[in-house]
Amino acid sequence: MGDTSIRVSDEAKDRLDLHKREDESYEDVILRLTEGDKWAGFGVLSETDTETRAGLETMREELRAGTRDRIEESK
C-alpha cells in the first residue's frame, strides 16, 4: 500500500485536531471518522455493541417521524 499526500485547509486541520486523540495520527483520525459505523470512536457509544446502537438509531428515527407528524398536523 502506497502513501498519498493531501492538502487540507487550516480550518480542516483544526477540525481534525478537535477529534484527534493523543495517541493518534491524522490518518488514524480520518479512518476512524470515516468508518462505516458512525458510532465508532465517539464517546460512550464507541464501546457499545451493535445491537444497542441499532436500537438507539431506531428510537431516533421514531422520534423524528413523530416530530414530522406533529408538525404536519399543526399546519
N, C-alpha and C. Protein backbone atom coordinates (compact mmCIF):
# COMPACT_ATOMS: atom_id res chain seq x y z
N MET A 1 0.85 -1.17 0.00
CA MET A 1 0.00 0.00 0.00
C MET A 1 0.89 1.23 0.00
N GLY A 2 0.65 2.15 -0.93
CA GLY A 2 1.45 3.36 -1.04
C GLY A 2 0.89 4.48 -0.21
N ASP A 3 1.62 5.56 -0.20
CA ASP A 3 1.18 6.76 0.51
C ASP A 3 0.80 7.83 -0.48
N THR A 4 -0.18 8.64 -0.11
CA THR A 4 -0.61 9.78 -0.89
C THR A 4 -0.67 10.98 0.03
N SER A 5 -0.16 12.08 -0.43
CA SER A 5 -0.24 13.32 0.34
C SER A 5 -1.47 14.09 -0.10
N ILE A 6 -2.16 14.68 0.87
CA ILE A 6 -3.31 15.53 0.56
C ILE A 6 -3.13 16.85 1.28
N ARG A 7 -3.66 17.90 0.69
CA ARG A 7 -3.63 19.21 1.33
C ARG A 7 -5.01 19.47 1.94
N VAL A 8 -5.00 20.05 3.11
CA VAL A 8 -6.25 20.47 3.74
C VAL A 8 -6.06 21.91 4.23
N SER A 9 -7.15 22.62 4.31
CA SER A 9 -7.10 23.99 4.80
C SER A 9 -6.79 23.99 6.29
N ASP A 10 -6.42 25.17 6.79
CA ASP A 10 -6.18 25.30 8.23
C ASP A 10 -7.44 24.95 9.01
N GLU A 11 -8.60 25.35 8.47
CA GLU A 11 -9.87 25.05 9.13
C GLU A 11 -10.09 23.54 9.22
N ALA A 12 -9.81 22.82 8.13
CA ALA A 12 -9.99 21.37 8.13
C ALA A 12 -9.04 20.72 9.14
N LYS A 13 -7.80 21.18 9.19
CA LYS A 13 -6.85 20.63 10.16
C LYS A 13 -7.31 20.92 11.58
N ASP A 14 -7.83 22.13 11.82
CA ASP A 14 -8.33 22.47 13.16
C ASP A 14 -9.47 21.54 13.56
N ARG A 15 -10.33 21.23 12.59
CA ARG A 15 -11.45 20.31 12.89
C ARG A 15 -10.94 18.91 13.19
N LEU A 16 -9.94 18.45 12.43
CA LEU A 16 -9.35 17.15 12.72
C LEU A 16 -8.71 17.15 14.11
N ASP A 17 -8.06 18.26 14.45
CA ASP A 17 -7.43 18.36 15.77
C ASP A 17 -8.45 18.20 16.90
N LEU A 18 -9.68 18.67 16.68
CA LEU A 18 -10.72 18.54 17.71
C LEU A 18 -11.05 17.07 17.98
N HIS A 19 -10.89 16.23 16.97
CA HIS A 19 -11.23 14.81 17.11
C HIS A 19 -10.02 13.93 17.39
N LYS A 20 -8.84 14.49 17.21
CA LYS A 20 -7.60 13.71 17.32
C LYS A 20 -7.32 13.36 18.78
N ARG A 21 -7.08 12.09 18.99
CA ARG A 21 -6.70 11.62 20.33
C ARG A 21 -5.20 11.71 20.47
N GLU A 22 -4.73 11.71 21.69
CA GLU A 22 -3.31 11.91 21.96
C GLU A 22 -2.42 10.91 21.24
N ASP A 23 -2.88 9.66 21.14
CA ASP A 23 -2.04 8.62 20.56
C ASP A 23 -2.33 8.36 19.07
N GLU A 24 -3.09 9.24 18.42
CA GLU A 24 -3.49 9.02 17.04
C GLU A 24 -2.72 9.90 16.06
N SER A 25 -2.54 9.35 14.88
CA SER A 25 -2.03 10.15 13.76
C SER A 25 -3.24 10.74 13.05
N TYR A 26 -2.99 11.66 12.12
CA TYR A 26 -4.12 12.21 11.35
C TYR A 26 -4.77 11.12 10.51
N GLU A 27 -3.97 10.20 10.02
CA GLU A 27 -4.53 9.08 9.26
C GLU A 27 -5.49 8.27 10.14
N ASP A 28 -5.10 8.01 11.38
CA ASP A 28 -5.97 7.28 12.30
C ASP A 28 -7.29 8.01 12.51
N VAL A 29 -7.23 9.34 12.66
CA VAL A 29 -8.43 10.14 12.89
C VAL A 29 -9.36 10.04 11.68
N ILE A 30 -8.80 10.22 10.49
CA ILE A 30 -9.60 10.18 9.27
C ILE A 30 -10.25 8.81 9.10
N LEU A 31 -9.49 7.75 9.32
CA LEU A 31 -10.05 6.40 9.19
C LEU A 31 -11.15 6.15 10.21
N ARG A 32 -10.94 6.61 11.45
CA ARG A 32 -11.95 6.42 12.49
C ARG A 32 -13.22 7.19 12.17
N LEU A 33 -13.06 8.44 11.74
CA LEU A 33 -14.22 9.28 11.47
C LEU A 33 -14.99 8.87 10.22
N THR A 34 -14.33 8.19 9.32
CA THR A 34 -14.99 7.79 8.08
C THR A 34 -15.37 6.32 8.06
N GLU A 35 -15.23 5.68 9.19
CA GLU A 35 -15.61 4.27 9.31
C GLU A 35 -17.11 4.12 9.03
N GLY A 36 -17.51 3.00 8.48
CA GLY A 36 -18.91 2.77 8.14
C GLY A 36 -19.84 2.87 9.33
N ASP A 37 -19.38 2.52 10.50
CA ASP A 37 -20.18 2.59 11.71
C ASP A 37 -20.05 3.98 12.30
N LYS A 38 -21.10 4.79 12.17
CA LYS A 38 -20.99 6.19 12.58
C LYS A 38 -20.80 6.38 14.08
N TRP A 39 -21.08 5.37 14.88
CA TRP A 39 -20.91 5.50 16.33
C TRP A 39 -19.50 5.11 16.77
N ALA A 40 -18.75 4.48 15.91
CA ALA A 40 -17.41 4.00 16.29
C ALA A 40 -16.53 5.17 16.70
N GLY A 41 -15.89 5.04 17.83
CA GLY A 41 -14.94 6.03 18.27
C GLY A 41 -15.51 7.29 18.88
N PHE A 42 -16.81 7.33 19.14
CA PHE A 42 -17.41 8.53 19.68
C PHE A 42 -17.96 8.28 21.08
N GLY A 43 -17.30 8.83 22.05
CA GLY A 43 -17.78 8.84 23.42
C GLY A 43 -18.25 7.51 23.95
N VAL A 44 -19.31 7.57 24.71
CA VAL A 44 -19.82 6.41 25.42
C VAL A 44 -20.29 5.31 24.46
N LEU A 45 -20.75 5.68 23.28
CA LEU A 45 -21.25 4.68 22.33
C LEU A 45 -20.14 3.96 21.58
N SER A 46 -18.90 4.41 21.71
CA SER A 46 -17.82 3.78 20.95
C SER A 46 -17.61 2.33 21.36
N GLU A 47 -17.92 1.99 22.58
CA GLU A 47 -17.72 0.62 23.06
C GLU A 47 -19.04 -0.14 23.17
N THR A 48 -20.13 0.43 22.71
CA THR A 48 -21.44 -0.19 22.81
C THR A 48 -21.61 -1.21 21.69
N ASP A 49 -22.29 -2.30 22.00
CA ASP A 49 -22.47 -3.33 20.98
C ASP A 49 -23.40 -2.84 19.87
N THR A 50 -23.30 -3.51 18.73
CA THR A 50 -24.04 -3.12 17.53
C THR A 50 -25.54 -3.15 17.74
N GLU A 51 -26.03 -4.13 18.49
CA GLU A 51 -27.47 -4.24 18.73
C GLU A 51 -28.01 -3.03 19.49
N THR A 52 -27.29 -2.59 20.48
CA THR A 52 -27.71 -1.42 21.25
C THR A 52 -27.71 -0.17 20.38
N ARG A 53 -26.67 -0.01 19.57
CA ARG A 53 -26.59 1.15 18.68
C ARG A 53 -27.72 1.12 17.66
N ALA A 54 -28.07 -0.06 17.17
CA ALA A 54 -29.18 -0.18 16.22
C ALA A 54 -30.48 0.23 16.89
N GLY A 55 -30.66 -0.16 18.14
CA GLY A 55 -31.84 0.22 18.89
C GLY A 55 -31.93 1.73 19.08
N LEU A 56 -30.79 2.35 19.37
CA LEU A 56 -30.76 3.80 19.52
C LEU A 56 -31.10 4.49 18.19
N GLU A 57 -30.61 3.95 17.11
CA GLU A 57 -30.92 4.51 15.79
C GLU A 57 -32.40 4.40 15.48
N THR A 58 -33.01 3.27 15.84
CA THR A 58 -34.45 3.09 15.65
C THR A 58 -35.23 4.11 16.46
N MET A 59 -34.85 4.30 17.71
CA MET A 59 -35.52 5.30 18.56
C MET A 59 -35.39 6.70 17.96
N ARG A 60 -34.23 7.02 17.47
CA ARG A 60 -34.01 8.33 16.87
C ARG A 60 -34.92 8.54 15.66
N GLU A 61 -35.01 7.54 14.82
CA GLU A 61 -35.87 7.65 13.63
C GLU A 61 -37.34 7.77 14.02
N GLU A 62 -37.76 7.02 15.05
CA GLU A 62 -39.15 7.11 15.51
C GLU A 62 -39.45 8.50 16.07
N LEU A 63 -38.52 9.07 16.80
CA LEU A 63 -38.70 10.42 17.34
C LEU A 63 -38.81 11.44 16.21
N ARG A 64 -37.95 11.29 15.20
CA ARG A 64 -38.01 12.20 14.06
C ARG A 64 -39.34 12.08 13.33
N ALA A 65 -39.79 10.86 13.12
CA ALA A 65 -41.06 10.65 12.42
C ALA A 65 -42.21 11.27 13.22
N GLY A 66 -42.21 11.07 14.52
CA GLY A 66 -43.24 11.65 15.37
C GLY A 66 -43.24 13.17 15.32
N THR A 67 -42.06 13.75 15.31
CA THR A 67 -41.94 15.20 15.24
C THR A 67 -42.46 15.70 13.90
N ARG A 68 -42.09 15.02 12.82
CA ARG A 68 -42.59 15.41 11.49
C ARG A 68 -44.11 15.33 11.45
N ASP A 69 -44.68 14.27 12.02
CA ASP A 69 -46.14 14.11 12.03
C ASP A 69 -46.82 15.25 12.79
N ARG A 70 -46.25 15.61 13.96
CA ARG A 70 -46.84 16.70 14.74
C ARG A 70 -46.75 18.03 14.01
N ILE A 71 -45.66 18.25 13.30
CA ILE A 71 -45.52 19.49 12.53
C ILE A 71 -46.56 19.53 11.42
N GLU A 72 -46.75 18.42 10.74
CA GLU A 72 -47.74 18.36 9.66
C GLU A 72 -49.16 18.57 10.20
N GLU A 73 -49.45 17.99 11.35
CA GLU A 73 -50.79 18.13 11.96
C GLU A 73 -51.06 19.57 12.38
N SER A 74 -50.02 20.29 12.76
CA SER A 74 -50.22 21.64 13.26
C SER A 74 -50.39 22.67 12.13
N LYS A 75 -50.13 22.25 10.91
CA LYS A 75 -50.25 23.19 9.77
C LYS A 75 -51.69 23.43 9.40
